Amino acid sequence: MRCTIVLEFDNGDWSVVKRVEVMRLHRSIED
């Protein structure tokens, strides 16, 4: 699932920022 999200946001320089935001959201949900 994370890989899919990364691919969706892998569309520019801001993709790295979005990737971090998504990872933080997943961690918050998991916790």
Protein backbone atom coordinates (compact mmCIF):
# COMPACT_ATOMS: atom_id res chain seq x y z
CA MET A 1 0.00 0.00 0.00
CA ARG A 2 2.81 2.40 0.88
CA CYS A 3 4.52 1.65 -2.43
CA THR A 4 1.34 2.57 -4.31
CA ILE A 5 1.04 5.87 -2.44
CA VAL A 6 4.68 6.69 -3.16
CA LEU A 7 4.14 6.02 -6.88
CA GLU A 8 1.06 8.25 -6.92
CA PHE A 9 2.99 11.14 -5.38
CA ASP A 10 6.16 10.43 -7.40
CA ASN A 11 5.31 13.18 -9.88
CA GLY A 12 7.68 16.04 -9.03
CA ASP A 13 10.11 17.55 -6.54
CA TRP A 14 7.36 17.80 -3.93
CA SER A 15 6.93 14.01 -4.10
CA VAL A 16 9.57 13.64 -1.37
CA VAL A 17 7.67 15.98 0.95
CA LYS A 18 4.38 14.22 0.29
CA ARG A 19 6.04 10.86 0.88
CA VAL A 20 7.17 12.01 4.35
CA GLU A 21 3.68 13.34 5.13
CA VAL A 22 2.07 10.06 4.07
CA MET A 23 4.54 8.01 6.12
CA ARG A 24 3.79 10.18 9.18
CA LEU A 25 0.06 9.66 8.66
CA HIS A 26 0.52 5.89 8.45
CA ARG A 27 2.66 5.88 11.60
CA SER A 28 0.04 7.93 13.46
CA ILE A 29 -2.69 5.50 12.41
CA GLU A 30 -0.57 2.47 13.33
CA ASP A 31 0.18 3.97 16.75
